[in-house]
């Protein structure tokens, strides 16, 4: 622990804010299953605190040789899925109280898709929606609703404060990112990949999986 704090300013800062984790690590009894974050804390801040705690736990397990590389990347990737799903659910609940988080899915690509995220990886999801099932207000177009949900998801994950941030989000792997909105209708995405996508865009789906939100919708798309 002392060496980790001496050589890593980030771990030193996080350890100062997470004394319970430090004490558990020094006693050899880190609890991997619990984050112990107050559920009344706003979702964005709660996710940032959970990410901070997880980063410290994983780093200590990594440095101590308790976690191998596969376990490290698995835990970081699982958290990314969890945080992305929580952000989608929160974004829908905030704008459409009482509605189920249906009709909106994040397709994980790249390192998140293959569960190989490292400590500093960003995520590259494609955000898709089903105009028929997506929650929306009266006279609100599906695209408008989907874009608002997507913007809120990105805001929750990328916002920074004293607790840091949750994840950096790069949405440029979606179909024709220079002209399309940040959330794409699922049938439009299918049409694009069937008729217009470049070989490298299709190849990106080798590691794709439905990671968060309406996973059943994502699995049908894939």
Protein backbone atom coordinates (compact mmCIF):
# COMPACT_ATOMS: atom_id res chain seq x y z
CA UNK A 1 0.00 0.00 0.00
CA UNK A 2 2.76 2.42 0.90
CA UNK A 3 4.57 1.79 -2.39
CA UNK A 4 1.37 2.23 -4.37
CA UNK A 5 0.67 5.58 -2.74
CA UNK A 6 4.24 6.73 -3.19
CA UNK A 7 4.41 5.97 -6.91
CA UNK A 8 0.84 6.75 -7.99
CA UNK A 9 -0.61 10.20 -7.23
CA UNK A 10 -4.03 8.93 -8.33
CA UNK A 11 -4.00 6.00 -5.91
CA UNK A 12 -2.69 8.23 -3.15
CA UNK A 13 -5.59 10.64 -3.68
CA UNK A 14 -8.20 7.89 -3.88
CA UNK A 15 -6.78 6.07 -0.85
CA UNK A 16 -7.10 9.28 1.17
CA UNK A 17 -10.81 9.39 0.32
CA UNK A 18 -11.44 5.67 0.80
CA UNK A 19 -9.95 4.81 4.22
CA UNK A 20 -12.28 1.84 4.69
CA UNK A 21 -10.99 0.19 1.52
CA UNK A 22 -7.40 0.84 2.55
CA UNK A 23 -8.03 -0.71 5.96
CA UNK A 24 -9.71 -3.74 4.37
CA UNK A 25 -6.83 -4.17 1.93
CA UNK A 26 -4.25 -4.00 4.68
CA UNK A 27 -6.24 -6.63 6.58
CA UNK A 28 -6.48 -8.80 3.46
CA UNK A 29 -10.28 -8.74 3.28
CA UNK A 30 -11.43 -6.52 0.41
CA UNK A 31 -15.16 -6.95 -0.25
CA UNK A 32 -15.51 -7.12 -4.03
CA UNK A 33 -19.31 -7.30 -3.93
CA UNK A 34 -20.11 -4.06 -2.13
CA UNK A 35 -19.51 -0.39 -2.92
CA UNK A 36 -21.26 0.89 0.25
CA UNK A 37 -22.43 4.11 -1.42
CA UNK A 38 -25.44 5.92 0.06
CA UNK A 39 -28.38 5.22 -2.28
CA UNK A 40 -29.77 8.72 -1.64
CA UNK A 41 -26.75 10.29 -3.36
CA UNK A 42 -27.67 11.59 -6.86
CA UNK A 43 -26.97 9.00 -9.53
CA UNK A 44 -24.15 10.87 -11.27
CA UNK A 45 -22.22 11.45 -8.08
CA UNK A 46 -22.93 7.92 -6.86
CA UNK A 47 -21.51 6.42 -10.05
CA UNK A 48 -18.40 8.58 -9.77
CA UNK A 49 -17.87 7.45 -6.19
CA UNK A 50 -18.44 3.82 -7.14
CA UNK A 51 -15.96 4.10 -9.98
CA UNK A 52 -13.37 5.65 -7.67
CA UNK A 53 -13.81 2.88 -5.10
CA UNK A 54 -13.65 0.16 -7.74
CA UNK A 55 -10.51 1.64 -9.31
CA UNK A 56 -8.77 1.53 -5.94
CA UNK A 57 -9.89 -2.03 -5.16
CA UNK A 58 -8.87 -3.35 -8.57
CA UNK A 59 -5.54 -1.53 -8.54
CA UNK A 60 -4.68 -2.92 -5.11
CA UNK A 61 -5.68 -6.42 -6.18
CA UNK A 62 -3.64 -6.01 -9.36
CA UNK A 63 -0.52 -4.75 -7.57
CA UNK A 64 -0.77 -7.45 -4.91
CA UNK A 65 -1.05 -10.19 -7.51
CA UNK A 66 -4.50 -11.20 -6.28
CA UNK A 67 -6.07 -10.31 -9.65
CA UNK A 68 -4.56 -11.38 -12.95
CA UNK A 69 -4.96 -9.34 -16.15
CA UNK A 70 -8.15 -11.12 -17.17
CA UNK A 71 -9.76 -10.47 -13.79
CA UNK A 72 -8.72 -6.80 -13.87
CA UNK A 73 -10.18 -6.12 -17.30
CA UNK A 74 -13.30 -8.16 -16.50
CA UNK A 75 -14.05 -6.12 -13.38
CA UNK A 76 -13.44 -2.80 -15.14
CA UNK A 77 -15.61 -3.86 -18.08
CA UNK A 78 -18.41 -5.16 -15.85
CA UNK A 79 -18.47 -1.80 -14.09
CA UNK A 80 -18.67 0.03 -17.42
CA UNK A 81 -21.71 -2.07 -18.36
CA UNK A 82 -23.29 -1.42 -14.97
CA UNK A 83 -22.65 2.34 -15.11
CA UNK A 84 -23.93 2.65 -18.67
CA UNK A 85 -27.09 0.74 -17.78
CA UNK A 86 -27.62 2.84 -14.65
CA UNK A 87 -27.21 6.04 -16.67
CA UNK A 88 -29.75 4.89 -19.28
CA UNK A 89 -32.26 3.93 -16.60
CA UNK A 90 -31.75 7.24 -14.79
CA UNK A 91 -32.06 9.30 -17.97
CA UNK A 92 -35.36 7.64 -18.86
CA UNK A 93 -36.71 7.81 -15.30
CA UNK A 94 -35.88 11.51 -14.98
CA UNK A 95 -37.70 12.51 -18.15
CA UNK A 96 -40.44 9.86 -18.18
CA UNK A 97 -41.26 8.94 -14.56
CA UNK A 98 -42.83 5.54 -14.17
CA UNK A 99 -41.79 4.32 -17.60
CA UNK A 100 -39.81 1.12 -18.06
CA UNK A 101 -36.32 1.54 -19.60
CA UNK A 102 -37.36 -0.01 -22.90
CA UNK A 103 -36.68 0.85 -26.52
CA UNK A 104 -33.16 2.19 -25.92
CA UNK A 105 -29.99 0.09 -25.95
CA UNK A 106 -26.23 0.57 -25.88
CA UNK A 107 -24.24 -1.76 -28.12
CA UNK A 108 -20.72 -2.13 -26.73
CA UNK A 109 -17.90 -2.22 -29.25
CA UNK A 110 -14.12 -2.39 -28.97
CA UNK A 111 -12.56 -3.15 -25.62
CA UNK A 112 -15.83 -2.86 -23.76
CA UNK A 113 -17.46 -5.29 -26.18
CA UNK A 114 -14.76 -7.89 -25.57
CA UNK A 115 -14.53 -7.07 -21.85
CA UNK A 116 -10.94 -5.85 -22.12
CA UNK A 117 -11.18 -2.33 -20.70
CA UNK A 118 -8.13 -1.03 -18.86
CA UNK A 119 -7.91 1.66 -16.20
CA UNK A 120 -7.96 4.59 -18.65
CA UNK A 121 -10.09 3.19 -21.50
CA UNK A 122 -12.98 5.15 -22.89
CA UNK A 123 -16.08 3.38 -24.19
CA UNK A 124 -17.37 3.43 -27.78
CA UNK A 125 -21.03 2.42 -27.66
CA UNK A 126 -23.60 2.74 -30.41
CA UNK A 127 -26.88 4.05 -28.96
CA UNK A 128 -29.94 2.63 -30.71
CA UNK A 129 -33.65 3.12 -30.16
CA UNK A 130 -36.93 1.59 -31.28
CA UNK A 131 -39.39 4.37 -32.23
CA UNK A 132 -42.32 2.06 -31.44
CA UNK A 133 -41.42 1.28 -27.84
CA UNK A 134 -39.24 4.19 -26.68
CA UNK A 135 -40.91 6.23 -23.90
CA UNK A 136 -41.80 9.74 -25.05
CA UNK A 137 -44.12 12.60 -24.28
CA UNK A 138 -47.19 13.61 -26.22
CA UNK A 139 -46.22 15.30 -29.50
CA UNK A 140 -42.56 14.43 -28.91
CA UNK A 141 -40.91 12.76 -31.90
CA UNK A 142 -39.02 9.51 -31.20
CA UNK A 143 -35.75 10.98 -32.48
CA UNK A 144 -36.10 13.98 -30.18
CA UNK A 145 -36.78 11.73 -27.18
CA UNK A 146 -33.88 9.41 -28.02
CA UNK A 147 -31.39 12.24 -28.47
CA UNK A 148 -32.39 13.79 -25.14
CA UNK A 149 -31.95 10.45 -23.39
CA UNK A 150 -28.58 9.95 -25.07
CA UNK A 151 -27.34 13.41 -24.12
CA UNK A 152 -28.28 12.83 -20.50
CA UNK A 153 -26.54 9.44 -20.48
CA UNK A 154 -23.33 11.01 -21.77
CA UNK A 155 -23.64 13.86 -19.27
CA UNK A 156 -24.03 11.47 -16.33
CA UNK A 157 -20.98 9.47 -17.36
CA UNK A 158 -18.64 12.29 -18.38
CA UNK A 159 -19.44 15.03 -15.86
CA UNK A 160 -16.53 15.80 -13.55
CA UNK A 161 -16.39 17.04 -9.98
CA UNK A 162 -14.24 16.40 -6.93
CA UNK A 163 -14.99 12.68 -7.25
CA UNK A 164 -13.64 12.57 -10.80
CA UNK A 165 -15.73 11.15 -13.65
CA UNK A 166 -17.31 7.80 -14.48
CA UNK A 167 -16.34 7.08 -18.10
CA UNK A 168 -15.31 8.93 -21.22
CA UNK A 169 -17.80 8.24 -24.00
CA UNK A 170 -17.00 8.28 -27.73
CA UNK A 171 -20.06 7.95 -29.98
CA UNK A 172 -18.27 8.30 -33.32
CA UNK A 173 -18.54 4.62 -34.24
CA UNK A 174 -22.26 4.97 -34.98
CA UNK A 175 -23.43 4.93 -38.61
CA UNK A 176 -22.36 8.09 -40.51
CA UNK A 177 -21.51 10.05 -37.34
CA UNK A 178 -20.96 13.26 -39.28
CA UNK A 179 -24.65 13.44 -40.26
CA UNK A 180 -26.61 11.22 -37.86
CA UNK A 181 -27.92 12.10 -34.38
CA UNK A 182 -26.16 10.55 -31.41
CA UNK A 183 -28.93 7.95 -31.07
CA UNK A 184 -29.90 6.01 -34.19
CA UNK A 185 -33.16 4.16 -34.95
CA UNK A 186 -32.54 0.43 -34.93
CA UNK A 187 -34.01 -0.21 -38.38
CA UNK A 188 -31.96 2.62 -39.84
CA UNK A 189 -28.82 1.09 -38.34
CA UNK A 190 -29.67 -2.32 -39.78
CA UNK A 191 -30.18 -0.79 -43.22
CA UNK A 192 -26.87 1.03 -42.99
CA UNK A 193 -24.84 -2.01 -42.02
CA UNK A 194 -26.52 -4.16 -44.66
CA UNK A 195 -25.99 -1.76 -47.56
CA UNK A 196 -23.53 1.07 -46.85
CA UNK A 197 -21.11 0.18 -44.06
CA UNK A 198 -17.43 -0.06 -44.87
CA UNK A 199 -15.62 -3.35 -44.18
CA UNK A 200 -13.95 -2.00 -41.03
CA UNK A 201 -17.35 -0.90 -39.68
CA UNK A 202 -18.72 -4.41 -40.10
CA UNK A 203 -15.55 -5.88 -38.62
CA UNK A 204 -16.09 -3.80 -35.47
CA UNK A 205 -19.07 -6.02 -34.70
CA UNK A 206 -16.83 -9.02 -34.11
CA UNK A 207 -16.63 -7.82 -30.51
CA UNK A 208 -20.10 -6.26 -30.29
CA UNK A 209 -22.66 -7.13 -27.64
CA UNK A 210 -25.78 -5.62 -26.15
CA UNK A 211 -24.39 -4.17 -22.93
CA UNK A 212 -26.94 -1.86 -21.33
CA UNK A 213 -30.51 -0.66 -21.51
CA UNK A 214 -33.02 -2.75 -23.46
CA UNK A 215 -30.70 -5.72 -23.96
CA UNK A 216 -33.39 -7.77 -25.71
CA UNK A 217 -33.67 -5.05 -28.36
CA UNK A 218 -29.91 -5.06 -28.76
CA UNK A 219 -29.78 -8.82 -29.14
CA UNK A 220 -32.43 -8.69 -31.86
CA UNK A 221 -30.39 -6.03 -33.66
CA UNK A 222 -27.22 -8.14 -33.49
